Amino acid sequence: MGIDGAKALAAKVLTDETLAKEINAAKTEAEFNAIVAKLGYNCTADEFQAAFKEAQSKQPLTDEQLDQAAGGLSIVGVDYAFVATQTMA
């Protein structure tokens, strides 16, 4: 199951905050393996990390993340003054 199990687990972790906290609490690979086995998945910690990064990169941005994204700088009058100078030259 390996990578397929890791991808399925990663998808579940992205939607289940309780599971995410439980996995993040694992301090050793043995603890991680015990949690994963209890849930019925079969993957290594490395496979899970790779699958999680991939799944996370495919998630759409939240409204909060979009609000924090830089969209440029708009100062009233600056664009107009620049255009006016360029057309006069």
N, C-alpha and C. Protein backbone atom coordinates (compact mmCIF):
# COMPACT_ATOMS: atom_id res chain seq x y z
N MET A 1 0.83 -1.18 0.00
CA MET A 1 0.00 0.00 0.00
C MET A 1 0.87 1.24 0.00
N GLY A 2 1.89 1.35 0.80
CA GLY A 2 2.91 2.38 0.81
C GLY A 2 2.46 3.77 0.44
N ILE A 3 2.83 4.21 -0.76
CA ILE A 3 2.57 5.58 -1.18
C ILE A 3 1.07 5.86 -1.33
N ASP A 4 0.30 4.86 -1.75
CA ASP A 4 -1.15 5.05 -1.85
C ASP A 4 -1.75 5.28 -0.46
N GLY A 5 -1.29 4.52 0.51
CA GLY A 5 -1.74 4.70 1.88
C GLY A 5 -1.34 6.06 2.43
N ALA A 6 -0.14 6.49 2.07
CA ALA A 6 0.35 7.79 2.52
C ALA A 6 -0.50 8.91 1.93
N LYS A 7 -0.87 8.78 0.65
CA LYS A 7 -1.69 9.81 0.02
C LYS A 7 -3.08 9.86 0.64
N ALA A 8 -3.66 8.71 0.93
CA ALA A 8 -4.97 8.65 1.55
C ALA A 8 -4.93 9.25 2.96
N LEU A 9 -3.89 8.92 3.70
CA LEU A 9 -3.73 9.45 5.05
C LEU A 9 -3.52 10.96 5.01
N ALA A 10 -2.72 11.44 4.07
CA ALA A 10 -2.47 12.88 3.94
C ALA A 10 -3.76 13.63 3.64
N ALA A 11 -4.58 13.09 2.76
CA ALA A 11 -5.86 13.72 2.44
C ALA A 11 -6.76 13.78 3.66
N LYS A 12 -6.74 12.72 4.46
CA LYS A 12 -7.57 12.69 5.68
C LYS A 12 -7.05 13.69 6.71
N VAL A 13 -5.74 13.80 6.84
CA VAL A 13 -5.14 14.71 7.82
C VAL A 13 -5.48 16.17 7.48
N LEU A 14 -5.55 16.48 6.18
CA LEU A 14 -5.87 17.85 5.77
C LEU A 14 -7.28 18.26 6.15
N THR A 15 -8.17 17.29 6.34
CA THR A 15 -9.56 17.61 6.65
C THR A 15 -9.94 17.30 8.09
N ASP A 16 -9.08 16.62 8.83
CA ASP A 16 -9.39 16.20 10.21
C ASP A 16 -8.36 16.80 11.16
N GLU A 17 -8.75 17.88 11.83
CA GLU A 17 -7.83 18.59 12.71
C GLU A 17 -7.38 17.73 13.90
N THR A 18 -8.27 16.90 14.42
CA THR A 18 -7.94 16.03 15.54
C THR A 18 -6.87 15.03 15.14
N LEU A 19 -7.02 14.44 13.96
CA LEU A 19 -6.02 13.50 13.46
C LEU A 19 -4.69 14.20 13.22
N ALA A 20 -4.74 15.40 12.70
CA ALA A 20 -3.52 16.16 12.45
C ALA A 20 -2.75 16.39 13.75
N LYS A 21 -3.48 16.75 14.81
CA LYS A 21 -2.84 16.97 16.12
C LYS A 21 -2.24 15.67 16.65
N GLU A 22 -2.96 14.57 16.46
CA GLU A 22 -2.48 13.27 16.94
C GLU A 22 -1.19 12.87 16.22
N ILE A 23 -1.15 13.07 14.91
CA ILE A 23 0.06 12.72 14.16
C ILE A 23 1.20 13.65 14.50
N ASN A 24 0.91 14.94 14.67
CA ASN A 24 1.96 15.90 15.04
C ASN A 24 2.53 15.61 16.42
N ALA A 25 1.74 14.98 17.27
CA ALA A 25 2.20 14.66 18.63
C ALA A 25 3.19 13.49 18.65
N ALA A 26 3.24 12.72 17.57
CA ALA A 26 4.16 11.58 17.51
C ALA A 26 5.60 12.10 17.50
N LYS A 27 6.38 11.68 18.48
CA LYS A 27 7.77 12.14 18.61
C LYS A 27 8.77 11.21 17.91
N THR A 28 8.38 9.96 17.75
CA THR A 28 9.28 8.99 17.13
C THR A 28 8.57 8.32 15.96
N GLU A 29 9.35 7.67 15.13
CA GLU A 29 8.76 6.95 14.01
C GLU A 29 7.90 5.78 14.51
N ALA A 30 8.30 5.20 15.63
CA ALA A 30 7.51 4.11 16.21
C ALA A 30 6.13 4.60 16.63
N GLU A 31 6.06 5.79 17.24
CA GLU A 31 4.78 6.36 17.63
C GLU A 31 3.94 6.66 16.39
N PHE A 32 4.58 7.20 15.36
CA PHE A 32 3.88 7.48 14.10
C PHE A 32 3.32 6.18 13.52
N ASN A 33 4.15 5.14 13.48
CA ASN A 33 3.72 3.85 12.93
C ASN A 33 2.55 3.27 13.72
N ALA A 34 2.55 3.45 15.04
CA ALA A 34 1.46 2.93 15.87
C ALA A 34 0.15 3.66 15.55
N ILE A 35 0.21 4.98 15.37
CA ILE A 35 -0.99 5.75 15.04
C ILE A 35 -1.52 5.35 13.68
N VAL A 36 -0.62 5.24 12.72
CA VAL A 36 -1.00 4.88 11.35
C VAL A 36 -1.61 3.48 11.30
N ALA A 37 -0.99 2.54 12.01
CA ALA A 37 -1.50 1.16 12.03
C ALA A 37 -2.88 1.11 12.69
N LYS A 38 -3.06 1.88 13.76
CA LYS A 38 -4.35 1.92 14.46
C LYS A 38 -5.46 2.41 13.52
N LEU A 39 -5.10 3.31 12.60
CA LEU A 39 -6.08 3.85 11.65
C LEU A 39 -6.27 2.97 10.43
N GLY A 40 -5.42 1.96 10.30
CA GLY A 40 -5.55 1.02 9.18
C GLY A 40 -4.78 1.41 7.94
N TYR A 41 -3.83 2.33 8.06
CA TYR A 41 -3.00 2.73 6.92
C TYR A 41 -1.66 2.04 7.01
N ASN A 42 -0.97 1.97 5.88
CA ASN A 42 0.33 1.32 5.84
C ASN A 42 1.28 2.20 5.04
N CYS A 43 2.07 3.01 5.75
CA CYS A 43 3.06 3.85 5.08
C CYS A 43 4.14 4.24 6.08
N THR A 44 5.26 4.66 5.55
CA THR A 44 6.35 5.12 6.42
C THR A 44 6.18 6.62 6.66
N ALA A 45 6.92 7.13 7.62
CA ALA A 45 6.86 8.56 7.93
C ALA A 45 7.34 9.38 6.73
N ASP A 46 8.38 8.91 6.05
CA ASP A 46 8.91 9.63 4.88
C ASP A 46 7.88 9.66 3.75
N GLU A 47 7.21 8.54 3.51
CA GLU A 47 6.17 8.49 2.47
C GLU A 47 5.04 9.45 2.82
N PHE A 48 4.67 9.47 4.10
CA PHE A 48 3.59 10.36 4.53
C PHE A 48 3.99 11.82 4.35
N GLN A 49 5.20 12.17 4.75
CA GLN A 49 5.65 13.57 4.62
C GLN A 49 5.63 14.02 3.16
N ALA A 50 6.10 13.18 2.26
CA ALA A 50 6.11 13.51 0.84
C ALA A 50 4.68 13.66 0.32
N ALA A 51 3.81 12.74 0.69
CA ALA A 51 2.41 12.79 0.25
C ALA A 51 1.69 13.99 0.84
N PHE A 52 2.00 14.33 2.09
CA PHE A 52 1.36 15.47 2.73
C PHE A 52 1.76 16.78 2.06
N LYS A 53 3.05 16.92 1.75
CA LYS A 53 3.51 18.13 1.06
C LYS A 53 2.83 18.27 -0.30
N GLU A 54 2.71 17.15 -1.01
CA GLU A 54 2.06 17.17 -2.32
C GLU A 54 0.58 17.54 -2.19
N ALA A 55 -0.10 16.93 -1.23
CA ALA A 55 -1.53 17.21 -1.03
C ALA A 55 -1.74 18.65 -0.58
N GLN A 56 -0.85 19.14 0.26
CA GLN A 56 -0.97 20.50 0.76
C GLN A 56 -0.76 21.51 -0.36
N SER A 57 0.14 21.21 -1.29
CA SER A 57 0.40 22.13 -2.39
C SER A 57 -0.77 22.20 -3.36
N LYS A 58 -1.62 21.19 -3.37
CA LYS A 58 -2.78 21.16 -4.26
C LYS A 58 -4.02 21.79 -3.64
N GLN A 59 -3.95 22.13 -2.35
CA GLN A 59 -5.08 22.73 -1.67
C GLN A 59 -5.28 24.16 -2.19
N PRO A 60 -6.51 24.57 -2.42
CA PRO A 60 -6.75 25.97 -2.82
C PRO A 60 -6.46 26.90 -1.64
N LEU A 61 -6.10 28.12 -1.96
CA LEU A 61 -5.81 29.10 -0.91
C LEU A 61 -7.10 29.47 -0.19
N THR A 62 -6.98 29.65 1.11
CA THR A 62 -8.13 30.09 1.89
C THR A 62 -8.31 31.60 1.71
N ASP A 63 -9.46 32.12 2.11
CA ASP A 63 -9.70 33.56 2.03
C ASP A 63 -8.67 34.33 2.85
N GLU A 64 -8.31 33.77 4.00
CA GLU A 64 -7.31 34.42 4.85
C GLU A 64 -5.95 34.49 4.16
N GLN A 65 -5.56 33.40 3.50
CA GLN A 65 -4.29 33.39 2.78
C GLN A 65 -4.32 34.37 1.60
N LEU A 66 -5.46 34.46 0.94
CA LEU A 66 -5.59 35.40 -0.17
C LEU A 66 -5.50 36.84 0.31
N ASP A 67 -6.06 37.12 1.48
CA ASP A 67 -5.97 38.46 2.05
C ASP A 67 -4.54 38.85 2.36
N GLN A 68 -3.71 37.86 2.71
CA GLN A 68 -2.33 38.13 3.07
C GLN A 68 -1.41 38.20 1.86
N ALA A 69 -1.89 37.76 0.72
CA ALA A 69 -1.05 37.75 -0.48
C ALA A 69 -0.83 39.18 -0.98
N ALA A 70 0.38 39.42 -1.47
CA ALA A 70 0.69 40.74 -2.01
C ALA A 70 0.07 40.87 -3.38
N GLY A 71 -0.66 41.95 -3.59
CA GLY A 71 -1.33 42.15 -4.87
C GLY A 71 -0.81 43.37 -5.59
N GLY A 72 0.30 43.90 -5.16
CA GLY A 72 0.84 45.07 -5.82
C GLY A 72 0.62 46.31 -4.97
N LEU A 73 1.00 47.44 -5.51
CA LEU A 73 0.91 48.70 -4.79
C LEU A 73 0.14 49.68 -5.64
N SER A 74 -0.81 50.30 -5.06
CA SER A 74 -1.61 51.28 -5.79
C SER A 74 -1.63 52.57 -4.99
N ILE A 75 -1.01 53.60 -5.54
CA ILE A 75 -1.03 54.91 -4.91
C ILE A 75 -1.76 55.84 -5.88
N VAL A 76 -2.80 56.46 -5.40
CA VAL A 76 -3.63 57.30 -6.24
C VAL A 76 -2.79 58.39 -6.88
N GLY A 77 -2.89 58.50 -8.20
CA GLY A 77 -2.21 59.56 -8.92
C GLY A 77 -0.85 59.18 -9.47
N VAL A 78 -0.19 58.18 -8.92
CA VAL A 78 1.16 57.83 -9.36
C VAL A 78 1.11 57.27 -10.77
N ASP A 79 0.19 56.36 -11.05
CA ASP A 79 0.10 55.79 -12.39
C ASP A 79 -0.22 56.87 -13.41
N TYR A 80 -1.11 57.77 -13.07
CA TYR A 80 -1.50 58.82 -13.98
C TYR A 80 -0.32 59.74 -14.28
N ALA A 81 0.41 60.12 -13.26
CA ALA A 81 1.55 61.02 -13.47
C ALA A 81 2.61 60.35 -14.34
N PHE A 82 2.83 59.07 -14.15
CA PHE A 82 3.82 58.35 -14.95
C PHE A 82 3.39 58.30 -16.41
N VAL A 83 2.14 57.98 -16.67
CA VAL A 83 1.62 57.90 -18.02
C VAL A 83 1.68 59.27 -18.69
N ALA A 84 1.33 60.30 -17.96
CA ALA A 84 1.34 61.65 -18.51
C ALA A 84 2.76 62.05 -18.91
N THR A 85 3.75 61.71 -18.12
CA THR A 85 5.14 62.07 -18.43
C THR A 85 5.64 61.28 -19.63
N GLN A 86 5.25 60.03 -19.73
CA GLN A 86 5.70 59.20 -20.83
C GLN A 86 5.09 59.67 -22.16
N THR A 87 3.87 60.13 -22.16
CA THR A 87 3.22 60.53 -23.40
C THR A 87 3.68 61.90 -23.87
N MET A 88 4.13 62.72 -22.94
CA MET A 88 4.59 64.08 -23.28
C MET A 88 5.99 64.06 -23.86
N ALA A 89 6.78 63.07 -23.59
CA ALA A 89 8.18 63.04 -24.00
C ALA A 89 8.36 62.73 -25.45
